[in-house]
Amino acid sequence: MLHPLVQENYYLRQRVQELEREVQHIRLMLAAKTLMIGKLEIRVDSINLDQFSGTFQIGVSHSADLNEGENSGCVKLPHLPERPVMEI
């Protein structure tokens, strides 16, 4: 049987590897200047990846609906505001 500290060390190393993969994924999204979290889209401007500083805008992603009935075959686009839903 492994010593509890050896076992804990193994699990901590596994967790560190998971977190490093998540950080790499976030860095790739930041390099693309867009973060997608569910239906939330965060667009990043003038970001410095080394210091994780910059400005970003948050908006909700939209989808188009196909009209049925009298205007069948037409696509109804949602109203998109000129400004983001929330700006930080």
N, C-alpha and C. Protein backbone atom coordinates (compact mmCIF):
# COMPACT_ATOMS: atom_id res chain seq x y z
N MET A 1 0.85 -1.19 0.00
CA MET A 1 0.00 0.00 0.00
C MET A 1 0.89 1.25 0.00
N LEU A 2 0.46 2.24 -0.77
CA LEU A 2 1.23 3.49 -0.86
C LEU A 2 1.08 4.33 0.40
N HIS A 3 2.12 5.01 0.71
CA HIS A 3 2.08 5.94 1.82
C HIS A 3 1.09 7.05 1.47
N PRO A 4 0.28 7.54 2.42
CA PRO A 4 -0.71 8.58 2.11
C PRO A 4 -0.13 9.82 1.44
N LEU A 5 1.09 10.20 1.81
CA LEU A 5 1.68 11.39 1.19
C LEU A 5 2.04 11.14 -0.27
N VAL A 6 2.48 9.93 -0.58
CA VAL A 6 2.79 9.59 -1.97
C VAL A 6 1.51 9.60 -2.80
N GLN A 7 0.45 9.06 -2.23
CA GLN A 7 -0.84 9.04 -2.92
C GLN A 7 -1.37 10.46 -3.13
N GLU A 8 -1.27 11.29 -2.10
CA GLU A 8 -1.71 12.68 -2.21
C GLU A 8 -0.88 13.43 -3.25
N ASN A 9 0.41 13.17 -3.28
CA ASN A 9 1.29 13.79 -4.27
C ASN A 9 0.85 13.43 -5.68
N TYR A 10 0.49 12.17 -5.89
CA TYR A 10 0.03 11.72 -7.21
C TYR A 10 -1.23 12.49 -7.63
N TYR A 11 -2.22 12.58 -6.74
CA TYR A 11 -3.46 13.27 -7.07
C TYR A 11 -3.22 14.76 -7.29
N LEU A 12 -2.33 15.36 -6.52
CA LEU A 12 -2.03 16.78 -6.72
C LEU A 12 -1.34 17.01 -8.06
N ARG A 13 -0.46 16.11 -8.46
CA ARG A 13 0.19 16.23 -9.78
C ARG A 13 -0.84 16.11 -10.90
N GLN A 14 -1.79 15.19 -10.74
CA GLN A 14 -2.86 15.03 -11.73
C GLN A 14 -3.68 16.31 -11.84
N ARG A 15 -4.01 16.89 -10.70
CA ARG A 15 -4.83 18.12 -10.68
C ARG A 15 -4.06 19.28 -11.32
N VAL A 16 -2.76 19.37 -11.05
CA VAL A 16 -1.94 20.42 -11.66
C VAL A 16 -1.95 20.27 -13.17
N GLN A 17 -1.85 19.04 -13.68
CA GLN A 17 -1.89 18.82 -15.12
C GLN A 17 -3.23 19.25 -15.71
N GLU A 18 -4.33 18.94 -15.01
CA GLU A 18 -5.66 19.37 -15.48
C GLU A 18 -5.74 20.89 -15.54
N LEU A 19 -5.26 21.56 -14.49
CA LEU A 19 -5.31 23.02 -14.46
C LEU A 19 -4.43 23.63 -15.53
N GLU A 20 -3.28 23.03 -15.80
CA GLU A 20 -2.41 23.54 -16.87
C GLU A 20 -3.09 23.42 -18.23
N ARG A 21 -3.84 22.33 -18.45
CA ARG A 21 -4.59 22.18 -19.71
C ARG A 21 -5.67 23.24 -19.81
N GLU A 22 -6.38 23.51 -18.71
CA GLU A 22 -7.42 24.54 -18.72
C GLU A 22 -6.82 25.92 -18.99
N VAL A 23 -5.68 26.23 -18.38
CA VAL A 23 -5.02 27.51 -18.60
C VAL A 23 -4.60 27.63 -20.06
N GLN A 24 -4.07 26.56 -20.64
CA GLN A 24 -3.67 26.58 -22.05
C GLN A 24 -4.88 26.85 -22.94
N HIS A 25 -6.01 26.22 -22.62
CA HIS A 25 -7.24 26.43 -23.40
C HIS A 25 -7.69 27.89 -23.30
N ILE A 26 -7.64 28.45 -22.11
CA ILE A 26 -8.02 29.86 -21.92
C ILE A 26 -7.07 30.77 -22.67
N ARG A 27 -5.77 30.48 -22.63
CA ARG A 27 -4.80 31.29 -23.38
C ARG A 27 -5.09 31.25 -24.88
N LEU A 28 -5.48 30.08 -25.40
CA LEU A 28 -5.81 29.99 -26.82
C LEU A 28 -7.04 30.83 -27.15
N MET A 29 -8.05 30.79 -26.27
CA MET A 29 -9.25 31.60 -26.51
C MET A 29 -8.91 33.08 -26.43
N LEU A 30 -8.06 33.46 -25.48
CA LEU A 30 -7.67 34.87 -25.36
C LEU A 30 -6.87 35.31 -26.58
N ALA A 31 -6.05 34.43 -27.11
CA ALA A 31 -5.29 34.77 -28.32
C ALA A 31 -6.25 35.00 -29.48
N ALA A 32 -7.37 34.28 -29.50
CA ALA A 32 -8.39 34.48 -30.53
C ALA A 32 -9.29 35.66 -30.19
N LYS A 33 -9.10 36.25 -29.01
CA LYS A 33 -9.85 37.40 -28.52
C LYS A 33 -11.34 37.12 -28.35
N THR A 34 -11.71 35.87 -28.14
CA THR A 34 -13.11 35.52 -27.88
C THR A 34 -13.16 34.36 -26.90
N LEU A 35 -13.91 34.53 -25.82
CA LEU A 35 -14.17 33.45 -24.88
C LEU A 35 -15.62 33.03 -25.04
N MET A 36 -15.88 31.75 -25.18
CA MET A 36 -17.25 31.24 -25.24
C MET A 36 -17.49 30.37 -24.02
N ILE A 37 -18.44 30.78 -23.21
CA ILE A 37 -18.81 30.01 -22.03
C ILE A 37 -20.31 29.79 -22.12
N GLY A 38 -20.72 28.60 -22.53
CA GLY A 38 -22.13 28.35 -22.78
C GLY A 38 -22.62 29.26 -23.89
N LYS A 39 -23.67 30.04 -23.64
CA LYS A 39 -24.17 31.00 -24.63
C LYS A 39 -23.59 32.39 -24.42
N LEU A 40 -22.69 32.51 -23.48
CA LEU A 40 -22.06 33.80 -23.19
C LEU A 40 -20.81 33.96 -24.04
N GLU A 41 -20.73 35.05 -24.76
CA GLU A 41 -19.57 35.32 -25.60
C GLU A 41 -18.86 36.54 -25.04
N ILE A 42 -17.57 36.41 -24.77
CA ILE A 42 -16.77 37.51 -24.25
C ILE A 42 -15.72 37.85 -25.29
N ARG A 43 -15.78 39.08 -25.81
CA ARG A 43 -14.79 39.53 -26.78
C ARG A 43 -13.75 40.37 -26.05
N VAL A 44 -12.50 40.05 -26.28
CA VAL A 44 -11.41 40.69 -25.57
C VAL A 44 -10.66 41.62 -26.51
N ASP A 45 -10.39 42.85 -26.06
CA ASP A 45 -9.64 43.82 -26.86
C ASP A 45 -8.39 44.23 -26.09
N SER A 46 -7.37 44.53 -26.81
CA SER A 46 -6.09 45.05 -26.28
C SER A 46 -5.65 44.31 -25.02
N ILE A 47 -5.50 43.01 -25.16
CA ILE A 47 -5.13 42.21 -23.99
C ILE A 47 -3.63 41.91 -24.00
N ASN A 48 -3.07 41.87 -22.83
CA ASN A 48 -1.67 41.49 -22.65
C ASN A 48 -1.67 40.12 -21.98
N LEU A 49 -1.32 39.07 -22.74
CA LEU A 49 -1.40 37.72 -22.21
C LEU A 49 -0.42 37.47 -21.07
N ASP A 50 0.70 38.19 -21.05
CA ASP A 50 1.69 37.97 -19.99
C ASP A 50 1.18 38.46 -18.64
N GLN A 51 0.43 39.55 -18.66
CA GLN A 51 -0.06 40.13 -17.41
C GLN A 51 -1.55 39.88 -17.20
N PHE A 52 -2.21 39.25 -18.16
CA PHE A 52 -3.66 39.03 -18.11
C PHE A 52 -4.40 40.33 -17.84
N SER A 53 -3.99 41.40 -18.53
CA SER A 53 -4.68 42.67 -18.37
C SER A 53 -5.26 43.07 -19.71
N GLY A 54 -6.25 43.93 -19.69
CA GLY A 54 -6.87 44.40 -20.91
C GLY A 54 -8.32 44.75 -20.66
N THR A 55 -9.04 44.99 -21.73
CA THR A 55 -10.46 45.31 -21.62
C THR A 55 -11.24 44.23 -22.35
N PHE A 56 -12.46 44.02 -21.91
CA PHE A 56 -13.29 43.07 -22.64
C PHE A 56 -14.75 43.48 -22.57
N GLN A 57 -15.51 42.97 -23.53
CA GLN A 57 -16.94 43.23 -23.60
C GLN A 57 -17.67 41.90 -23.48
N ILE A 58 -18.83 41.94 -22.86
CA ILE A 58 -19.62 40.73 -22.70
C ILE A 58 -20.94 40.93 -23.43
N GLY A 59 -21.30 39.97 -24.25
CA GLY A 59 -22.58 39.99 -24.95
C GLY A 59 -23.15 38.59 -24.98
N VAL A 60 -24.39 38.46 -25.38
CA VAL A 60 -25.02 37.15 -25.47
C VAL A 60 -25.04 36.74 -26.93
N SER A 61 -24.67 35.50 -27.21
CA SER A 61 -24.69 35.05 -28.60
C SER A 61 -26.15 34.89 -29.04
N HIS A 62 -26.40 35.17 -30.29
CA HIS A 62 -27.75 35.15 -30.83
C HIS A 62 -27.88 34.06 -31.88
N SER A 63 -29.11 33.62 -32.10
CA SER A 63 -29.36 32.65 -33.16
C SER A 63 -30.56 33.13 -33.98
N ALA A 64 -30.63 32.67 -35.20
CA ALA A 64 -31.72 33.06 -36.10
C ALA A 64 -32.82 32.01 -36.04
N ASP A 65 -34.07 32.45 -36.15
CA ASP A 65 -35.22 31.54 -36.16
C ASP A 65 -35.87 31.56 -37.53
N LEU A 66 -36.33 30.39 -37.97
CA LEU A 66 -37.02 30.28 -39.24
C LEU A 66 -38.50 30.52 -39.01
N ASN A 67 -39.08 31.51 -39.72
CA ASN A 67 -40.51 31.81 -39.59
C ASN A 67 -41.33 30.72 -40.25
N GLU A 68 -42.41 30.34 -39.60
CA GLU A 68 -43.35 29.40 -40.19
C GLU A 68 -44.68 30.11 -40.30
N GLY A 69 -45.48 29.73 -41.28
CA GLY A 69 -46.77 30.36 -41.45
C GLY A 69 -46.79 31.24 -42.68
N GLU A 70 -47.32 32.48 -42.52
CA GLU A 70 -47.51 33.36 -43.68
C GLU A 70 -46.19 33.75 -44.35
N ASN A 71 -45.12 33.88 -43.60
CA ASN A 71 -43.82 34.25 -44.18
C ASN A 71 -42.87 33.05 -44.16
N SER A 72 -43.39 31.88 -44.53
CA SER A 72 -42.53 30.70 -44.44
C SER A 72 -41.34 30.84 -45.38
N GLY A 73 -40.24 30.33 -44.95
CA GLY A 73 -39.01 30.44 -45.73
C GLY A 73 -38.20 31.67 -45.39
N CYS A 74 -38.73 32.56 -44.55
CA CYS A 74 -38.01 33.76 -44.14
C CYS A 74 -37.28 33.49 -42.82
N VAL A 75 -36.16 34.12 -42.68
CA VAL A 75 -35.39 33.98 -41.45
C VAL A 75 -35.58 35.24 -40.62
N LYS A 76 -35.96 35.06 -39.37
CA LYS A 76 -36.17 36.19 -38.45
C LYS A 76 -34.90 36.35 -37.62
N LEU A 77 -34.24 37.48 -37.76
CA LEU A 77 -33.03 37.75 -36.99
C LEU A 77 -33.38 38.51 -35.72
N PRO A 78 -32.77 38.20 -34.62
CA PRO A 78 -33.05 38.92 -33.37
C PRO A 78 -32.48 40.33 -33.45
N HIS A 79 -33.04 41.20 -32.61
CA HIS A 79 -32.52 42.57 -32.53
C HIS A 79 -31.17 42.53 -31.83
N LEU A 80 -30.17 43.08 -32.47
CA LEU A 80 -28.84 43.14 -31.88
C LEU A 80 -28.56 44.57 -31.45
N PRO A 81 -28.33 44.82 -30.18
CA PRO A 81 -28.04 46.19 -29.74
C PRO A 81 -26.70 46.65 -30.30
N GLU A 82 -26.59 47.96 -30.46
CA GLU A 82 -25.33 48.52 -30.97
C GLU A 82 -24.21 48.35 -29.95
N ARG A 83 -24.53 48.42 -28.70
CA ARG A 83 -23.54 48.29 -27.63
C ARG A 83 -23.63 46.90 -27.03
N PRO A 84 -22.59 46.45 -26.36
CA PRO A 84 -22.66 45.14 -25.70
C PRO A 84 -23.67 45.17 -24.55
N VAL A 85 -24.13 43.99 -24.20
CA VAL A 85 -25.08 43.88 -23.10
C VAL A 85 -24.46 44.40 -21.81
N MET A 86 -23.21 44.08 -21.58
CA MET A 86 -22.52 44.54 -20.39
C MET A 86 -21.07 44.83 -20.76
N GLU A 87 -20.55 45.91 -20.30
CA GLU A 87 -19.16 46.26 -20.57
C GLU A 87 -18.45 46.49 -19.25
N ILE A 88 -17.31 45.85 -19.09
CA ILE A 88 -16.56 45.98 -17.84
C ILE A 88 -15.24 46.66 -18.13
